[in-house]
Protein backbone atom coordinates (compact mmCIF):
# COMPACT_ATOMS: atom_id res chain seq x y z
CA MET A 1 -8.11 -10.66 5.68
CA THR A 2 -7.25 -7.13 5.24
CA SER A 3 -9.31 -5.01 7.83
CA TYR A 4 -8.20 -1.66 4.98
CA ARG A 5 -10.89 -0.74 2.78
CA ILE A 6 -10.31 -2.05 -0.87
CA HIS A 7 -12.01 0.85 -3.07
CA THR A 8 -13.84 0.44 -6.25
CA VAL A 9 -14.29 3.21 -8.96
CA ASP A 10 -17.49 4.81 -7.11
CA THR A 11 -15.91 4.82 -3.33
CA ALA A 12 -12.47 5.78 -4.18
CA PRO A 13 -11.57 9.35 -2.98
CA GLU A 14 -11.87 11.85 -6.06
CA GLY A 15 -8.34 11.54 -7.04
CA ALA A 16 -8.27 7.95 -6.96
CA LYS A 17 -11.44 7.46 -9.16
CA GLN A 18 -9.66 7.88 -12.68
CA PRO A 19 -6.78 5.92 -12.35
CA LEU A 20 -9.36 2.67 -10.35
CA MET A 21 -11.39 3.34 -13.48
CA LEU A 22 -8.37 2.61 -16.38
CA LEU A 23 -7.01 -0.23 -13.84
CA GLN A 24 -10.14 -2.03 -14.08
CA GLU A 25 -10.61 -1.38 -17.89
CA ALA A 26 -7.15 -2.34 -18.21
CA PHE A 27 -6.63 -6.04 -16.40
CA GLY A 28 -11.08 -6.55 -16.74
CA PHE A 29 -11.44 -6.18 -13.26
CA MET A 30 -10.61 -4.35 -10.33
CA PRO A 31 -6.84 -5.52 -8.66
CA ASN A 32 -7.38 -5.61 -5.08
CA GLY A 33 -3.77 -3.75 -4.60
CA ALA A 34 -5.33 -0.88 -6.85
CA GLY A 35 -8.15 -0.39 -4.46
CA LEU A 36 -6.05 -0.78 -1.66
CA MET A 37 -3.76 1.77 -2.97
CA ALA A 38 -7.01 4.72 -3.55
CA ASN A 39 -6.93 4.65 0.30
CA SER A 40 -3.87 7.38 -0.62
CA PRO A 41 -4.60 9.53 -3.86
CA ALA A 42 -1.34 10.12 -3.84
CA LEU A 43 0.07 6.75 -3.77
CA LEU A 44 -2.05 5.54 -6.41
CA SER A 45 -1.70 8.38 -8.67
CA THR A 46 2.43 7.86 -7.83
CA PHE A 47 2.35 4.10 -8.73
CA PHE A 48 -0.12 4.86 -12.10
CA SER A 49 1.94 7.44 -13.56
CA ALA A 50 4.95 5.42 -12.88
CA PHE A 51 3.91 2.64 -14.16
CA GLY A 52 2.60 4.02 -17.33
CA HIS A 53 6.19 5.00 -18.50
CA PHE A 54 7.35 1.90 -17.21
CA ARG A 55 4.63 0.21 -19.34
CA GLY A 56 4.76 2.70 -22.21
CA SER A 57 7.82 4.10 -22.56
CA GLY A 58 9.92 1.08 -21.58
CA THR A 59 11.92 -0.83 -23.45
CA PHE A 60 11.41 -4.75 -22.22
CA GLY A 61 8.77 -6.73 -23.66
CA PRO A 62 5.80 -7.67 -21.67
CA ASP A 63 7.09 -11.28 -21.02
CA GLU A 64 9.98 -9.08 -20.08
CA ARG A 65 7.93 -6.69 -17.66
CA GLN A 66 6.07 -9.91 -16.19
CA VAL A 67 9.11 -12.02 -15.24
CA LEU A 68 10.95 -8.28 -13.59
CA LEU A 69 7.83 -8.05 -11.44
CA LEU A 70 7.49 -11.90 -10.25
CA SER A 71 10.44 -11.54 -9.19
CA ASN A 72 10.35 -8.45 -7.16
CA ALA A 73 7.00 -10.02 -5.88
CA VAL A 74 8.73 -13.22 -4.52
CA ALA A 75 11.87 -11.34 -3.48
CA ASN A 76 9.45 -9.27 -1.57
CA GLY A 77 7.59 -12.05 -0.49
CA CYS A 78 3.95 -10.44 -1.37
CA ALA A 79 2.00 -13.36 -1.79
CA TRP A 80 -0.92 -10.93 -3.75
CA ALA A 81 1.62 -9.38 -6.37
CA VAL A 82 2.75 -13.29 -6.94
CA ALA A 83 -0.40 -14.18 -7.91
CA PHE A 84 -1.52 -11.52 -9.53
CA HIS A 85 1.68 -11.39 -11.64
CA SER A 86 1.64 -15.19 -12.24
CA LEU A 87 -1.61 -14.45 -14.12
CA GLU A 88 -0.29 -11.15 -16.13
CA ALA A 89 3.08 -13.44 -17.11
CA LEU A 90 1.35 -16.11 -18.46
CA ALA A 91 -0.85 -14.09 -19.75
CA ASP A 92 1.96 -11.80 -21.76
CA GLY A 93 3.55 -15.06 -22.79
CA VAL A 94 5.63 -15.80 -20.50
CA GLU A 95 6.15 -19.96 -20.61
CA PRO A 96 4.54 -22.04 -17.49
CA ALA A 97 8.06 -23.54 -16.75
CA VAL A 98 9.68 -19.71 -16.05
CA VAL A 99 6.50 -18.74 -14.20
CA ASP A 100 7.02 -21.60 -11.82
CA ALA A 101 10.70 -21.46 -11.29
CA LEU A 102 10.37 -17.77 -10.46
CA ARG A 103 7.32 -18.58 -7.81
CA ARG A 104 9.94 -20.93 -6.43
CA GLY A 105 12.41 -18.27 -6.15
CA GLU A 106 14.61 -19.82 -8.30
CA LEU A 107 15.87 -18.47 -11.84
CA PRO A 108 14.44 -20.20 -14.78
CA ALA A 109 16.33 -22.32 -17.38
CA ASP A 110 15.80 -19.42 -20.12
CA PRO A 111 19.56 -17.85 -19.79
CA ARG A 112 18.04 -14.22 -20.68
CA MET A 113 15.21 -14.47 -18.56
CA ALA A 114 17.26 -15.66 -15.84
CA ALA A 115 19.94 -12.79 -16.01
CA LEU A 116 16.53 -10.02 -15.52
CA SER A 117 15.52 -12.08 -12.76
CA ALA A 118 18.73 -12.04 -10.96
CA THR A 119 19.07 -8.46 -11.51
CA THR A 120 16.19 -7.20 -10.32
CA ARG A 121 16.28 -9.54 -7.12
CA ALA A 122 19.89 -8.33 -6.50
CA PHE A 123 18.67 -4.59 -6.45
CA ILE A 124 16.11 -5.56 -3.98
CA GLY A 125 18.67 -7.73 -1.96
CA LYS A 126 21.70 -5.44 -2.69
CA ARG A 127 19.64 -2.27 -1.91
CA GLY A 128 20.76 -0.93 -4.83
CA HIS A 129 24.13 -1.99 -4.37
CA LEU A 130 25.06 -3.84 -7.45
CA ASP A 131 28.56 -4.99 -8.02
CA ASP A 132 30.71 -5.60 -11.46
CA ALA A 133 29.64 -9.01 -11.50
CA ASP A 134 25.91 -8.21 -11.61
CA VAL A 135 25.95 -5.94 -14.30
CA THR A 136 28.19 -7.55 -16.58
CA ALA A 137 25.97 -10.56 -16.02
CA PHE A 138 22.66 -8.44 -17.05
CA THR A 139 24.73 -7.16 -19.95
CA ALA A 140 26.18 -10.41 -21.44
CA ALA A 141 22.45 -11.61 -21.80
CA GLY A 142 21.86 -8.99 -24.40
CA PHE A 143 20.02 -6.63 -21.73
CA THR A 144 21.55 -2.82 -21.77
CA GLU A 145 23.11 -0.44 -19.40
CA GLY A 146 19.51 1.64 -19.62
CA GLN A 147 18.06 -1.24 -19.03
CA LEU A 148 19.90 -1.75 -16.08
CA PHE A 149 18.17 1.70 -15.06
CA GLU A 150 14.75 0.45 -16.12
CA VAL A 151 15.22 -2.09 -13.76
CA ILE A 152 15.16 0.24 -11.23
CA ALA A 153 11.80 1.63 -12.14
CA GLY A 154 10.49 -1.89 -12.20
CA ALA A 155 11.43 -2.33 -8.61
CA ALA A 156 10.16 0.86 -7.27
CA ILE A 157 6.82 0.30 -8.99
CA SER A 158 6.77 -3.19 -7.39
CA THR A 159 7.77 -1.82 -4.15
CA THR A 160 4.79 0.52 -3.91
CA THR A 161 2.19 -2.82 -4.78
CA ASN A 162 4.50 -5.21 -3.15
CA TYR A 163 4.48 -3.19 0.20
CA ALA A 164 1.06 -1.98 -0.02
CA ALA A 165 -0.21 -5.74 0.07
CA ASN A 166 1.74 -6.77 2.65
CA VAL A 167 0.47 -4.31 5.07
CA ALA A 168 -3.05 -5.33 4.34
CA ARG A 169 -3.26 -8.36 2.53
CA PRO A 170 -5.57 -8.05 0.71
CA PRO A 171 -8.22 -11.34 -0.73
CA LEU A 172 -7.40 -12.69 -3.76
CA GLU A 173 -9.63 -11.65 -6.83
CA PRO A 174 -11.53 -14.59 -8.60
CA PRO A 175 -9.28 -14.64 -11.54
CA VAL A 176 -6.40 -14.54 -9.51
CA ARG A 177 -7.12 -17.08 -7.04
CA PRO A 178 -5.83 -20.64 -8.91
CA TYR A 179 -2.45 -18.72 -8.65
CA ALA A 180 -2.35 -18.64 -4.50
CA TRP A 181 1.00 -18.62 -3.46
CA THR A 182 2.47 -18.84 0.23
CA GLU A 183 6.20 -18.11 0.85
CA GLY A 184 8.24 -21.23 0.71
CA HIS A 185 4.83 -23.42 -0.82
CA TRP A 186 5.10 -22.16 -4.33
CA GLY A 187 1.92 -23.84 -5.76
CA GLY A 188 2.86 -24.67 -9.52
CA VAL A 189 0.91 -23.17 -12.60
């Protein structure tokens, strides 16, 4: 369990209150990852702004965004984020079989989702040094070269929350608990 403070809207530093309030409204509960990031209003505000652009002006659909974010959470070994994005993925229409495959660290059977997951994992694993085969597989699945850069935005957003949660190891919120995950022990949905 964490020794870092998990803020609420009431306890957060002034610069973190508004982003926390909006995140709580969006998810229907306060994500502990956001409450942790509120310890640094600069971190939370950076995350909040980037996520808003990724979600609001990005070209990935909700299901694709969740495949990307869940793939990153698994690649970064972040138990809190895997559980959180498992819940969100299912809510955003990702098939349970796809979520299960991603939680196991495998590529899903769906070719488009497999290409998206493989590309985002390659970005993390290769520290951004994709080769021609990585790019070709991504675009062959119907994604654009512009979306390749959008994957970078998703990886950056994931890194923010994944690293904060890996440092602090927050408890899972009640709605997220059924999706608990431990690296190497995937726990199906």
